[in-house]
Amino acid sequence: IMIAVFGAFVFSESRMLQQFGVGMAAAIFLDAFVIRVLLVPAIMKVLGRSAWWMPKWLDRALPHVTVEPEREPAKEPARV
């Protein structure tokens, strides 16, 4: 939607507004389709677990919330 709005500035009479529209539409296209779709997932894959690193002090300060129910310890099978 934003690309279409800024792209519509091209039809303006003002040369400055036309340049602004082309620049903003190109920047939003680059951000939305190149950076967020290609670059960010690739960087996250390369970084692996370190991409999800949290400082220990912050981990202690934040509550541990989960949507999974607490698991009961697995019982050992009876020997026959």
N, C-alpha and C. Protein backbone atom coordinates (compact mmCIF):
# COMPACT_ATOMS: atom_id res chain seq x y z
N ILE A 1 0.84 -1.19 0.00
CA ILE A 1 0.00 0.00 0.00
C ILE A 1 0.87 1.24 0.00
N MET A 2 1.91 1.24 0.84
CA MET A 2 2.78 2.42 0.91
C MET A 2 3.52 2.64 -0.40
N ILE A 3 3.91 1.56 -1.07
CA ILE A 3 4.59 1.70 -2.35
C ILE A 3 3.66 2.36 -3.36
N ALA A 4 2.41 1.97 -3.36
CA ALA A 4 1.44 2.57 -4.29
C ALA A 4 1.19 4.04 -3.97
N VAL A 5 1.10 4.37 -2.69
CA VAL A 5 0.86 5.76 -2.30
C VAL A 5 2.03 6.64 -2.71
N PHE A 6 3.25 6.23 -2.36
CA PHE A 6 4.41 7.04 -2.72
C PHE A 6 4.66 7.00 -4.22
N GLY A 7 4.34 5.89 -4.86
CA GLY A 7 4.47 5.82 -6.31
C GLY A 7 3.53 6.77 -7.02
N ALA A 8 2.39 7.06 -6.41
CA ALA A 8 1.44 8.00 -7.00
C ALA A 8 1.98 9.42 -7.02
N PHE A 9 2.96 9.70 -6.18
CA PHE A 9 3.58 11.04 -6.18
C PHE A 9 4.27 11.34 -7.50
N VAL A 10 4.58 10.31 -8.28
CA VAL A 10 5.24 10.49 -9.57
C VAL A 10 4.36 11.32 -10.51
N PHE A 11 3.07 11.23 -10.36
CA PHE A 11 2.15 11.96 -11.23
C PHE A 11 1.92 13.40 -10.78
N SER A 12 2.64 13.83 -9.77
CA SER A 12 2.50 15.20 -9.28
C SER A 12 3.18 16.18 -10.24
N GLU A 13 2.81 17.44 -10.15
CA GLU A 13 3.41 18.48 -10.98
C GLU A 13 4.80 18.88 -10.47
N SER A 14 5.00 18.77 -9.17
CA SER A 14 6.26 19.20 -8.56
C SER A 14 7.36 18.16 -8.79
N ARG A 15 8.50 18.60 -9.30
CA ARG A 15 9.63 17.71 -9.55
C ARG A 15 10.16 17.14 -8.22
N MET A 16 10.18 17.97 -7.18
CA MET A 16 10.67 17.51 -5.89
C MET A 16 9.76 16.41 -5.32
N LEU A 17 8.47 16.57 -5.46
CA LEU A 17 7.53 15.57 -4.97
C LEU A 17 7.64 14.28 -5.78
N GLN A 18 7.92 14.38 -7.07
CA GLN A 18 8.12 13.19 -7.90
C GLN A 18 9.35 12.42 -7.44
N GLN A 19 10.43 13.14 -7.19
CA GLN A 19 11.66 12.50 -6.73
C GLN A 19 11.47 11.86 -5.36
N PHE A 20 10.76 12.56 -4.50
CA PHE A 20 10.47 12.03 -3.17
C PHE A 20 9.66 10.74 -3.29
N GLY A 21 8.66 10.72 -4.15
CA GLY A 21 7.83 9.53 -4.33
C GLY A 21 8.60 8.35 -4.85
N VAL A 22 9.45 8.57 -5.85
CA VAL A 22 10.26 7.48 -6.41
C VAL A 22 11.23 6.96 -5.35
N GLY A 23 11.87 7.87 -4.64
CA GLY A 23 12.83 7.46 -3.61
C GLY A 23 12.18 6.67 -2.49
N MET A 24 11.05 7.15 -2.00
CA MET A 24 10.37 6.45 -0.91
C MET A 24 9.81 5.10 -1.37
N ALA A 25 9.23 5.05 -2.56
CA ALA A 25 8.70 3.78 -3.08
C ALA A 25 9.82 2.76 -3.25
N ALA A 26 10.97 3.21 -3.77
CA ALA A 26 12.11 2.30 -3.94
C ALA A 26 12.64 1.83 -2.59
N ALA A 27 12.72 2.73 -1.63
CA ALA A 27 13.24 2.36 -0.30
C ALA A 27 12.31 1.37 0.39
N ILE A 28 11.02 1.58 0.29
CA ILE A 28 10.06 0.67 0.92
C ILE A 28 10.07 -0.69 0.22
N PHE A 29 10.18 -0.69 -1.09
CA PHE A 29 10.27 -1.95 -1.83
C PHE A 29 11.52 -2.72 -1.41
N LEU A 30 12.65 -2.02 -1.34
CA LEU A 30 13.91 -2.65 -0.94
C LEU A 30 13.80 -3.22 0.48
N ASP A 31 13.23 -2.45 1.39
CA ASP A 31 13.10 -2.90 2.77
C ASP A 31 12.16 -4.10 2.87
N ALA A 32 11.02 -4.02 2.22
CA ALA A 32 10.01 -5.06 2.38
C ALA A 32 10.38 -6.36 1.68
N PHE A 33 10.95 -6.29 0.50
CA PHE A 33 11.15 -7.50 -0.28
C PHE A 33 12.58 -8.03 -0.27
N VAL A 34 13.55 -7.18 -0.08
CA VAL A 34 14.93 -7.67 -0.09
C VAL A 34 15.42 -7.90 1.32
N ILE A 35 15.30 -6.90 2.16
CA ILE A 35 15.86 -7.00 3.51
C ILE A 35 15.05 -7.95 4.37
N ARG A 36 13.74 -7.73 4.46
CA ARG A 36 12.92 -8.53 5.38
C ARG A 36 12.63 -9.94 4.88
N VAL A 37 12.62 -10.15 3.59
CA VAL A 37 12.29 -11.48 3.06
C VAL A 37 13.55 -12.32 2.83
N LEU A 38 14.62 -11.71 2.40
CA LEU A 38 15.83 -12.47 2.07
C LEU A 38 16.94 -12.33 3.09
N LEU A 39 17.27 -11.11 3.45
CA LEU A 39 18.45 -10.86 4.27
C LEU A 39 18.27 -11.28 5.73
N VAL A 40 17.16 -10.92 6.35
CA VAL A 40 16.96 -11.23 7.76
C VAL A 40 16.91 -12.74 8.01
N PRO A 41 16.14 -13.53 7.26
CA PRO A 41 16.17 -14.98 7.51
C PRO A 41 17.55 -15.60 7.26
N ALA A 42 18.27 -15.10 6.27
CA ALA A 42 19.61 -15.64 6.00
C ALA A 42 20.55 -15.34 7.16
N ILE A 43 20.49 -14.13 7.69
CA ILE A 43 21.35 -13.78 8.83
C ILE A 43 20.97 -14.60 10.06
N MET A 44 19.68 -14.79 10.28
CA MET A 44 19.24 -15.59 11.43
C MET A 44 19.73 -17.03 11.29
N LYS A 45 19.72 -17.57 10.09
CA LYS A 45 20.20 -18.93 9.86
C LYS A 45 21.70 -19.03 10.13
N VAL A 46 22.46 -18.04 9.67
CA VAL A 46 23.91 -18.04 9.86
C VAL A 46 24.26 -17.90 11.34
N LEU A 47 23.55 -17.03 12.06
CA LEU A 47 23.84 -16.80 13.47
C LEU A 47 23.42 -17.97 14.36
N GLY A 48 22.43 -18.72 13.93
CA GLY A 48 21.99 -19.89 14.69
C GLY A 48 21.44 -19.50 16.06
N ARG A 49 21.87 -20.23 17.10
CA ARG A 49 21.36 -19.98 18.45
C ARG A 49 21.79 -18.63 18.99
N SER A 50 22.90 -18.10 18.53
CA SER A 50 23.35 -16.81 19.05
C SER A 50 22.44 -15.67 18.62
N ALA A 51 21.60 -15.89 17.62
CA ALA A 51 20.65 -14.85 17.22
C ALA A 51 19.57 -14.67 18.27
N TRP A 52 19.37 -15.67 19.13
CA TRP A 52 18.33 -15.63 20.14
C TRP A 52 18.91 -15.44 21.53
N TRP A 53 20.13 -14.96 21.63
CA TRP A 53 20.80 -14.77 22.90
C TRP A 53 20.10 -13.72 23.73
N MET A 54 19.95 -13.99 25.02
CA MET A 54 19.38 -13.02 25.95
C MET A 54 20.35 -12.88 27.13
N PRO A 55 20.62 -11.66 27.57
CA PRO A 55 21.50 -11.49 28.73
C PRO A 55 20.94 -12.21 29.95
N LYS A 56 21.83 -12.77 30.77
CA LYS A 56 21.38 -13.54 31.93
C LYS A 56 20.58 -12.68 32.91
N TRP A 57 20.98 -11.43 33.09
CA TRP A 57 20.26 -10.57 34.02
C TRP A 57 18.83 -10.31 33.54
N LEU A 58 18.66 -10.21 32.23
CA LEU A 58 17.32 -10.00 31.68
C LEU A 58 16.50 -11.28 31.77
N ASP A 59 17.13 -12.43 31.59
CA ASP A 59 16.44 -13.71 31.71
C ASP A 59 15.92 -13.91 33.13
N ARG A 60 16.70 -13.47 34.13
CA ARG A 60 16.26 -13.60 35.52
C ARG A 60 15.15 -12.60 35.83
N ALA A 61 15.17 -11.43 35.21
CA ALA A 61 14.19 -10.39 35.51
C ALA A 61 12.83 -10.66 34.88
N LEU A 62 12.82 -11.30 33.72
CA LEU A 62 11.56 -11.55 33.02
C LEU A 62 10.88 -12.81 33.55
N PRO A 63 9.55 -12.81 33.59
CA PRO A 63 8.86 -14.04 34.02
C PRO A 63 8.95 -15.11 32.93
N HIS A 64 8.97 -16.34 33.35
CA HIS A 64 9.01 -17.45 32.39
C HIS A 64 7.57 -17.86 32.08
N VAL A 65 7.12 -17.51 30.89
CA VAL A 65 5.75 -17.79 30.47
C VAL A 65 5.79 -18.86 29.39
N THR A 66 4.90 -19.82 29.50
CA THR A 66 4.83 -20.87 28.50
C THR A 66 3.37 -21.19 28.19
N VAL A 67 3.12 -21.63 27.00
CA VAL A 67 1.77 -22.03 26.63
C VAL A 67 1.60 -23.54 26.74
N GLU A 68 2.70 -24.22 26.94
CA GLU A 68 2.67 -25.67 27.08
C GLU A 68 2.37 -26.04 28.53
N PRO A 69 1.59 -27.10 28.76
CA PRO A 69 1.36 -27.53 30.14
C PRO A 69 2.62 -28.15 30.72
N GLU A 70 2.71 -28.15 32.04
CA GLU A 70 3.86 -28.76 32.71
C GLU A 70 3.85 -30.26 32.44
N ARG A 71 4.98 -30.79 32.09
CA ARG A 71 5.08 -32.23 31.82
C ARG A 71 5.38 -32.97 33.12
N GLU A 72 4.71 -34.10 33.27
CA GLU A 72 5.00 -34.95 34.41
C GLU A 72 6.24 -35.77 34.08
N PRO A 73 7.04 -36.08 35.09
CA PRO A 73 8.23 -36.91 34.80
C PRO A 73 7.81 -38.25 34.20
N ALA A 74 8.57 -38.69 33.24
CA ALA A 74 8.26 -39.96 32.57
C ALA A 74 8.48 -41.11 33.54
N LYS A 75 7.52 -42.01 33.58
CA LYS A 75 7.65 -43.18 34.44
C LYS A 75 8.45 -44.25 33.70
N GLU A 76 9.25 -44.95 34.47
CA GLU A 76 10.02 -46.03 33.86
C GLU A 76 9.09 -47.21 33.61
N PRO A 77 9.27 -47.88 32.49
CA PRO A 77 8.41 -49.04 32.22
C PRO A 77 8.69 -50.16 33.23
N ALA A 78 7.66 -50.90 33.55
CA ALA A 78 7.79 -52.00 34.50
C ALA A 78 8.60 -53.13 33.88
N ARG A 79 9.46 -53.70 34.67
CA ARG A 79 10.26 -54.82 34.18
C ARG A 79 9.46 -56.11 34.33
N VAL A 80 9.53 -56.91 33.34
CA VAL A 80 8.78 -58.16 33.35
C VAL A 80 9.71 -59.33 33.48
